[in-house]
C-alpha cells in the first residue's frame, strides 16, 4: 500500500500512476476497488484552529478522535455528528476527517445543523491528473466559480484525493434533553417527529426504533433554555402520549446508538434509504425487514434484511435512494437516471480524464 507523507508526494503518485488507484482513509468502511491501494493515513495533523473564529483546518488523514479532542478542549464540536461505522461493519480502522468528507457522513443532528458538506468551507485535493487544487477558504463567503467544496463532499474519491479540509465548527451544547414516547406505530412516530421538528423548540434529533417501540426527540442548548423548551415540546407531543425525559447519561447512549445504527447489528445486509419522511412508513412496511431504524424524522431509514434481498424491487415506485452499506453483490450505490449519469460521467472526465480514481474510498 502506498502511504504518501505529504500532499506533493500524493500528487506525484497520482501523476505517475499507470492504472487505477484504490483510495482509502482510515479503512473503517471496506469498499475495495480495483488498482493499487493508496492511503491518506500519512497526511495527518490540524494545521489551523482558531476557536474564536470557529474555524478548523486539518489534513485529510487526521483521526476523527484527534479532531474531536481538540474541539472539546475549547468546548466546541463538529456540527454534523459524524457516524462511526466500525461497530456496524466489524472493522478496526481509524475514522478520519477526510473519510467523513469523502462520504458526506452525517449523523442525527443533520435535521438541525445540516450535513457534513454544509459545515465544509474549504478543500485541497489532488485530481486525476496529479494537479493540486484548492477551493474555498476559512470563511463561508470565500467560494467563487465552481463550488468544489460541495462537489467533493460525498464524491467517494471519484473526483480527487482529499488532502486537507476546512470546517466551520460550533460551540458545544451545555446541556441536552431527550424526550421519549413509547409504543407508537411507525405512522404515528413519523407524525410525532414532524410535530416536534416543525415546532419552534429547535429539535436537534428525531428518531424511532419500531422494534423497541421508542420515539426519541432531542433538544440542546443552555440549561434554562433546554428545560423550558423540553417542557413546551412535551406539550406539543401530548397528542401522541406522555413524553418521558431521559437522564443525561441515557440520552447520550441513545443518540450514540442512533448515530452508529446499532439497531442494525446482526446477520444480514444493511441498507440506508433516503426518502421523504412521509414515505418512511411505506418503506418499512414494504421492506419486510428484520430490523428498522428511522432517523432524521424519517428521512433516513436503516433496514436489515436477509443477505441477497433485492430491496429496490420491494420499494419500486417509492421516490428516494437506497444504498447497501453492508452485504455483497453488485449495485451497492443507487442507480442514476440517464441524464444524471451522463452529467456525472462528464464531471468525472473533467477531474479524472484517465479514469484512475476508482472512488473506492474507505472512511
Protein backbone atom coordinates (compact mmCIF):
# COMPACT_ATOMS: atom_id res chain seq x y z
CA UNK A 1 0.00 0.00 0.00
CA UNK A 2 1.28 3.45 -0.91
CA UNK A 3 1.38 5.89 2.01
CA UNK A 4 2.47 9.40 0.98
CA UNK A 5 3.56 11.69 3.79
CA UNK A 6 2.80 14.97 2.03
CA UNK A 7 0.40 16.46 -0.47
CA UNK A 8 3.22 16.73 -3.00
CA UNK A 9 4.01 13.04 -2.66
CA UNK A 10 0.32 12.23 -3.18
CA UNK A 11 0.34 14.34 -6.34
CA UNK A 12 3.42 12.51 -7.63
CA UNK A 13 1.78 9.12 -7.01
CA UNK A 14 -1.37 10.09 -8.89
CA UNK A 15 0.59 11.72 -11.69
CA UNK A 16 2.77 8.66 -12.13
CA UNK A 17 0.02 6.04 -11.89
CA UNK A 18 -0.26 3.71 -14.87
CA UNK A 19 -3.52 2.16 -13.76
CA UNK A 20 -6.39 2.51 -11.30
CA UNK A 21 -5.77 3.61 -7.72
CA UNK A 22 -7.90 2.37 -4.81
CA UNK A 23 -8.23 5.20 -2.29
CA UNK A 24 -8.68 4.75 1.42
CA UNK A 25 -8.69 6.86 4.55
CA UNK A 26 -8.90 5.08 7.89
CA UNK A 27 -10.31 1.80 6.49
CA UNK A 28 -13.45 1.82 8.65
CA UNK A 29 -15.64 1.17 5.59
CA UNK A 30 -14.25 -1.57 3.40
CA UNK A 31 -15.26 -0.93 -0.20
CA UNK A 32 -12.24 -2.35 -2.01
CA UNK A 33 -11.67 -1.09 -5.52
CA UNK A 34 -9.53 -2.20 -8.40
CA UNK A 35 -5.96 -0.99 -8.53
CA UNK A 36 -3.09 -0.17 -6.22
CA UNK A 37 -4.12 0.89 -2.73
CA UNK A 38 -3.26 4.45 -1.67
CA UNK A 39 -3.93 5.70 1.86
CA UNK A 40 -4.18 9.20 3.26
CA UNK A 41 -3.09 7.92 6.68
CA UNK A 42 0.24 9.73 6.34
CA UNK A 43 -1.46 13.11 5.84
CA UNK A 44 -2.27 14.00 9.43
CA UNK A 45 -2.44 16.95 11.75
CA UNK A 46 -4.55 20.01 12.48
CA UNK A 47 -2.92 22.81 10.50
CA UNK A 48 -5.08 25.68 11.77
CA UNK A 49 -7.55 26.01 14.62
CA UNK A 50 -9.00 29.38 15.58
CA UNK A 51 -11.62 28.82 18.28
CA UNK A 52 -12.62 32.48 18.26
CA UNK A 53 -13.35 32.30 14.54
CA UNK A 54 -15.00 28.86 14.85
CA UNK A 55 -12.66 27.57 12.13
CA UNK A 56 -10.63 24.38 11.90
CA UNK A 57 -8.34 23.12 9.11
CA UNK A 58 -6.88 19.61 9.14
CA UNK A 59 -5.13 17.21 6.79
CA UNK A 60 -7.39 14.53 5.39
CA UNK A 61 -5.86 11.58 7.23
CA UNK A 62 -6.25 13.15 10.68
CA UNK A 63 -8.12 10.77 13.00
CA UNK A 64 -11.58 11.95 13.97
CA UNK A 65 -10.70 11.36 17.62
CA UNK A 66 -7.89 13.94 17.37
CA UNK A 67 -10.27 16.48 15.82
CA UNK A 68 -12.93 15.91 18.46
CA UNK A 69 -10.42 16.12 21.32
CA UNK A 70 -9.05 19.44 20.10
CA UNK A 71 -12.56 20.85 19.76
CA UNK A 72 -13.71 19.51 23.13
CA UNK A 73 -10.77 21.26 24.82
CA UNK A 74 -12.31 24.55 23.61
CA UNK A 75 -15.90 23.44 24.33
CA UNK A 76 -16.65 23.17 20.62
CA UNK A 77 -17.73 20.41 18.24
CA UNK A 78 -18.32 19.44 14.63
CA UNK A 79 -21.94 20.32 13.87
CA UNK A 80 -22.79 17.25 11.80
CA UNK A 81 -22.22 14.47 14.39
CA UNK A 82 -20.35 12.01 12.11
CA UNK A 83 -21.16 8.33 12.35
CA UNK A 84 -18.58 5.72 13.40
CA UNK A 85 -19.04 2.72 11.08
CA UNK A 86 -16.78 0.28 12.92
CA UNK A 87 -19.39 -1.41 15.08
CA UNK A 88 -21.85 -1.86 12.23
CA UNK A 89 -19.27 -3.15 9.75
CA UNK A 90 -16.99 -5.01 12.17
CA UNK A 91 -13.90 -3.07 11.10
CA UNK A 92 -10.94 -1.92 13.16
CA UNK A 93 -9.69 1.11 11.28
CA UNK A 94 -9.50 4.71 12.46
CA UNK A 95 -12.19 7.15 11.30
CA UNK A 96 -10.61 10.15 9.58
CA UNK A 97 -11.87 13.62 8.82
CA UNK A 98 -11.15 13.18 5.10
CA UNK A 99 -13.13 9.96 5.03
CA UNK A 100 -16.10 11.72 6.62
CA UNK A 101 -15.97 14.36 3.88
CA UNK A 102 -15.49 11.86 1.04
CA UNK A 103 -18.66 10.07 2.12
CA UNK A 104 -20.52 13.13 3.48
CA UNK A 105 -21.04 11.24 6.74
CA UNK A 106 -23.76 12.99 8.74
CA UNK A 107 -25.48 11.94 11.96
CA UNK A 108 -28.75 12.68 13.80
CA UNK A 109 -28.04 16.42 14.13
CA UNK A 110 -28.35 16.78 10.36
CA UNK A 111 -32.02 17.73 10.84
CA UNK A 112 -30.92 20.93 12.56
CA UNK A 113 -27.26 21.63 11.68
CA UNK A 114 -27.14 20.24 8.16
CA UNK A 115 -24.91 17.60 6.58
CA UNK A 116 -21.13 17.37 6.61
CA UNK A 117 -20.97 19.36 3.35
CA UNK A 118 -22.89 22.22 4.98
CA UNK A 119 -20.10 22.76 7.53
CA UNK A 120 -17.30 22.29 4.99
CA UNK A 121 -15.82 25.62 3.84
CA UNK A 122 -12.62 24.60 2.05
CA UNK A 123 -10.82 21.68 0.44
CA UNK A 124 -7.44 20.85 -1.03
CA UNK A 125 -7.21 17.76 -3.23
CA UNK A 126 -5.22 16.05 -5.96
CA UNK A 127 -7.24 15.47 -9.13
CA UNK A 128 -6.84 12.58 -11.53
CA UNK A 129 -4.09 14.35 -13.48
CA UNK A 130 -1.97 14.84 -10.36
CA UNK A 131 -2.71 18.56 -10.12
CA UNK A 132 -3.16 20.08 -6.64
CA UNK A 133 -6.43 22.01 -6.44
CA UNK A 134 -7.65 24.37 -3.72
CA UNK A 135 -11.17 25.71 -3.34
CA UNK A 136 -12.86 27.65 -0.56
CA UNK A 137 -11.12 29.10 2.44
CA UNK A 138 -11.51 30.00 6.08
CA UNK A 139 -14.85 31.80 5.82
CA UNK A 140 -18.19 30.84 4.33
CA UNK A 141 -18.16 33.54 1.63
CA UNK A 142 -14.73 32.66 0.26
CA UNK A 143 -16.04 30.45 -2.56
CA UNK A 144 -16.07 31.57 -6.17
CA UNK A 145 -16.67 29.87 -9.50
CA UNK A 146 -17.42 26.15 -9.21
CA UNK A 147 -18.35 25.16 -5.68
CA UNK A 148 -15.85 22.33 -5.47
CA UNK A 149 -16.26 22.25 -1.70
CA UNK A 150 -19.80 20.93 -2.02
CA UNK A 151 -18.92 18.82 -5.05
CA UNK A 152 -16.10 16.94 -3.28
CA UNK A 153 -18.23 16.15 -0.24
CA UNK A 154 -19.76 12.74 -0.86
CA UNK A 155 -17.87 12.17 -4.11
CA UNK A 156 -16.35 8.92 -2.75
CA UNK A 157 -12.92 9.76 -4.10
CA UNK A 158 -14.04 9.74 -7.73
CA UNK A 159 -13.06 13.37 -8.39
CA UNK A 160 -9.85 13.63 -6.42
CA UNK A 161 -7.85 12.58 -3.38
CA UNK A 162 -8.65 14.91 -0.50
CA UNK A 163 -5.51 16.18 1.25
CA UNK A 164 -6.87 18.94 3.51
CA UNK A 165 -10.33 20.08 4.66
CA UNK A 166 -11.60 23.23 6.39
CA UNK A 167 -14.66 23.44 8.61
CA UNK A 168 -16.85 25.88 10.40
CA UNK A 169 -17.36 24.47 13.91
CA UNK A 170 -19.89 25.31 16.62
CA UNK A 171 -19.89 25.71 20.40
CA UNK A 172 -20.77 22.52 22.23
CA UNK A 173 -24.16 22.40 23.92
CA UNK A 174 -24.11 22.99 27.65
CA UNK A 175 -26.99 20.56 28.12
CA UNK A 176 -29.24 18.18 26.22
CA UNK A 177 -32.64 16.72 26.93
CA UNK A 178 -34.23 13.74 25.20
CA UNK A 179 -37.97 13.11 25.33
CA UNK A 180 -39.13 9.58 24.59
CA UNK A 181 -42.56 8.33 23.54
CA UNK A 182 -43.48 4.66 23.96
CA UNK A 183 -45.46 2.29 21.78
CA UNK A 184 -46.10 4.40 18.69
CA UNK A 185 -46.66 2.84 15.30
CA UNK A 186 -44.28 3.93 12.53
CA UNK A 187 -47.02 6.16 11.13
CA UNK A 188 -47.67 7.88 14.47
CA UNK A 189 -43.94 8.13 15.21
CA UNK A 190 -43.37 9.99 11.94
CA UNK A 191 -46.24 12.33 12.77
CA UNK A 192 -44.86 12.95 16.26
CA UNK A 193 -41.37 13.65 14.94
CA UNK A 194 -42.80 16.00 12.31
CA UNK A 195 -44.69 17.87 15.03
CA UNK A 196 -41.50 18.24 17.05
CA UNK A 197 -39.32 19.26 14.12
CA UNK A 198 -41.84 21.83 12.90
CA UNK A 199 -42.19 23.35 16.37
CA UNK A 200 -40.16 26.45 17.37
CA UNK A 201 -38.23 24.50 20.02
CA UNK A 202 -35.17 23.62 17.92
CA UNK A 203 -35.20 19.83 17.96
CA UNK A 204 -31.71 18.51 17.08
CA UNK A 205 -32.55 14.83 16.76
CA UNK A 206 -35.67 12.81 15.92
CA UNK A 207 -35.50 9.01 15.66
CA UNK A 208 -37.73 5.95 16.01
CA UNK A 209 -36.97 2.27 16.62
CA UNK A 210 -40.02 0.16 15.66
CA UNK A 211 -38.76 -2.97 17.45
CA UNK A 212 -38.17 -1.14 20.73
CA UNK A 213 -41.31 0.93 20.29
CA UNK A 214 -39.35 4.07 21.19
CA UNK A 215 -39.50 7.51 19.59
CA UNK A 216 -36.84 10.00 20.67
CA UNK A 217 -36.60 13.77 20.23
CA UNK A 218 -33.60 15.77 21.40
CA UNK A 219 -33.15 19.40 22.43
CA UNK A 220 -29.76 21.03 23.13
CA UNK A 221 -28.51 24.37 24.44
CA UNK A 222 -28.19 26.33 27.67
CA UNK A 223 -29.68 24.72 30.76
CA UNK A 224 -32.56 27.15 31.33
CA UNK A 225 -33.46 27.19 27.65
CA UNK A 226 -33.38 23.40 27.40
CA UNK A 227 -35.63 22.97 30.45
CA UNK A 228 -38.17 25.42 29.06
CA UNK A 229 -38.15 24.04 25.53
CA UNK A 230 -38.36 20.43 26.75
CA UNK A 231 -41.46 21.29 28.72
CA UNK A 232 -43.04 23.04 25.75
CA UNK A 233 -42.10 20.20 23.40
CA UNK A 234 -43.77 17.71 25.75
CA UNK A 235 -46.98 19.70 25.31
CA UNK A 236 -46.61 19.57 21.52
CA UNK A 237 -46.19 15.80 21.74
CA UNK A 238 -49.09 15.27 24.18
CA UNK A 239 -51.50 14.02 21.45
CA UNK A 240 -49.11 11.08 20.92
CA UNK A 241 -48.74 10.19 24.61
CA UNK A 242 -46.95 11.28 27.75
CA UNK A 243 -43.30 12.03 26.93
CA UNK A 244 -40.70 10.90 29.45
CA UNK A 245 -37.43 12.83 29.81
CA UNK A 246 -34.31 10.67 29.90
CA UNK A 247 -31.42 11.33 32.26
CA UNK A 248 -28.30 12.81 30.55
CA UNK A 249 -26.27 9.59 30.53
CA UNK A 250 -29.09 7.59 28.99
CA UNK A 251 -29.66 10.37 26.47
CA UNK A 252 -26.01 10.19 25.37
CA UNK A 253 -26.28 6.41 24.98
CA UNK A 254 -29.45 6.66 22.89
CA UNK A 255 -28.03 9.15 20.40
CA UNK A 256 -24.73 7.34 20.06
CA UNK A 257 -26.70 4.19 19.22
CA UNK A 258 -28.84 6.08 16.69
CA UNK A 259 -25.78 7.76 15.17
CA UNK A 260 -23.98 4.44 14.69
CA UNK A 261 -27.12 2.47 13.65
CA UNK A 262 -26.68 -0.08 16.43
CA UNK A 263 -30.19 -1.40 15.76
CA UNK A 264 -28.75 -2.89 12.56
CA UNK A 265 -26.35 -5.23 14.35
CA UNK A 266 -26.93 -8.87 13.44
CA UNK A 267 -26.79 -11.11 10.39
CA UNK A 268 -27.90 -9.85 7.00
CA UNK A 269 -27.49 -6.96 4.58
CA UNK A 270 -27.83 -3.39 5.82
CA UNK A 271 -29.35 -0.63 3.69
CA UNK A 272 -29.72 3.14 4.03
CA UNK A 273 -32.83 4.54 2.38
CA UNK A 274 -33.24 8.29 1.83
CA UNK A 275 -36.87 9.29 1.34
CA UNK A 276 -39.35 11.97 2.26
CA UNK A 277 -40.25 11.40 5.90
CA UNK A 278 -43.89 10.91 4.95
CA UNK A 279 -42.86 7.88 2.86
CA UNK A 280 -40.98 6.18 5.71
CA UNK A 281 -43.95 4.09 6.93
CA UNK A 282 -44.44 2.76 3.40
CA UNK A 283 -40.73 1.90 3.17
CA UNK A 284 -40.80 -0.01 6.45
CA UNK A 285 -43.98 -1.87 5.53
CA UNK A 286 -42.82 -2.89 2.06
CA UNK A 287 -39.24 -3.77 3.04
CA UNK A 288 -40.35 -6.55 5.44
CA UNK A 289 -37.01 -6.06 7.17
CA UNK A 290 -35.54 -7.98 10.09
CA UNK A 291 -34.83 -4.63 11.79
CA UNK A 292 -35.50 -0.98 11.04
CA UNK A 293 -34.44 2.39 12.42
CA UNK A 294 -35.74 5.82 11.41
CA UNK A 295 -33.51 8.88 11.78
CA UNK A 296 -33.82 12.49 10.57
CA UNK A 297 -37.51 12.42 11.44
CA UNK A 298 -38.00 9.54 8.99
CA UNK A 299 -35.94 11.00 6.15
CA UNK A 300 -33.32 8.29 6.71
CA UNK A 301 -34.45 4.68 7.13
CA UNK A 302 -31.96 1.98 8.10
CA UNK A 303 -33.01 -1.58 7.22
CA UNK A 304 -31.50 -5.01 7.87
CA UNK A 305 -32.66 -7.78 5.54
CA UNK A 306 -31.64 -11.35 4.71
CA UNK A 307 -28.47 -11.50 2.63
CA UNK A 308 -29.08 -11.02 -1.08
CA UNK A 309 -32.51 -9.42 -0.72
CA UNK A 310 -33.38 -7.14 -3.64
CA UNK A 311 -34.62 -4.20 -1.57
CA UNK A 312 -35.02 -1.91 -4.56
CA UNK A 313 -37.52 -4.30 -6.11
CA UNK A 314 -39.58 -4.23 -2.93
CA UNK A 315 -39.53 -0.43 -2.91
CA UNK A 316 -40.24 0.03 -6.61
CA UNK A 317 -42.23 3.20 -7.13
CA UNK A 318 -41.25 4.83 -3.84
CA UNK A 319 -39.30 8.05 -4.59
CA UNK A 320 -35.88 8.04 -2.96
CA UNK A 321 -32.49 6.34 -2.93
CA UNK A 322 -31.39 3.01 -1.43
CA UNK A 323 -27.72 2.28 -0.72
CA UNK A 324 -26.43 -1.07 0.52
CA UNK A 325 -23.98 -0.34 3.32
CA UNK A 326 -23.21 -3.93 4.31
CA UNK A 327 -23.50 -7.02 2.14
CA UNK A 328 -22.16 -8.49 -1.07
CA UNK A 329 -23.17 -8.26 -4.71
CA UNK A 330 -23.46 -5.66 -7.46
CA UNK A 331 -25.34 -2.40 -7.26
CA UNK A 332 -24.46 -1.12 -3.80
CA UNK A 333 -24.92 2.50 -4.89
CA UNK A 334 -28.29 3.77 -6.15
CA UNK A 335 -28.68 3.65 -9.95
CA UNK A 336 -28.71 7.05 -11.64
CA UNK A 337 -31.21 8.30 -14.19
CA UNK A 338 -29.66 8.52 -17.68
CA UNK A 339 -29.45 12.33 -17.68
CA UNK A 340 -27.85 12.40 -14.24
CA UNK A 341 -25.46 9.58 -15.13
CA UNK A 342 -24.31 11.50 -18.20
CA UNK A 343 -23.72 14.60 -16.09
CA UNK A 344 -21.81 12.57 -13.51
CA UNK A 345 -19.61 10.98 -16.14
CA UNK A 346 -18.92 14.37 -17.70
CA UNK A 347 -17.79 15.82 -14.37
CA UNK A 348 -15.60 12.80 -13.63
CA UNK A 349 -13.99 13.06 -17.05
CA UNK A 350 -13.01 16.65 -16.29
CA UNK A 351 -11.39 15.81 -12.97
CA UNK A 352 -10.07 12.35 -13.82
CA UNK A 353 -9.60 12.07 -17.61
CA UNK A 354 -7.50 8.90 -17.29
CA UNK A 355 -10.11 7.16 -15.11
CA UNK A 356 -7.61 6.10 -12.46
CA UNK A 357 -9.60 7.10 -9.36
CA UNK A 358 -11.73 4.13 -8.58
CA UNK A 359 -13.58 6.02 -5.90
CA UNK A 360 -13.46 3.02 -3.56
CA UNK A 361 -12.85 5.31 -0.62
CA UNK A 362 -12.78 3.84 2.87
CA UNK A 363 -13.90 6.30 5.51
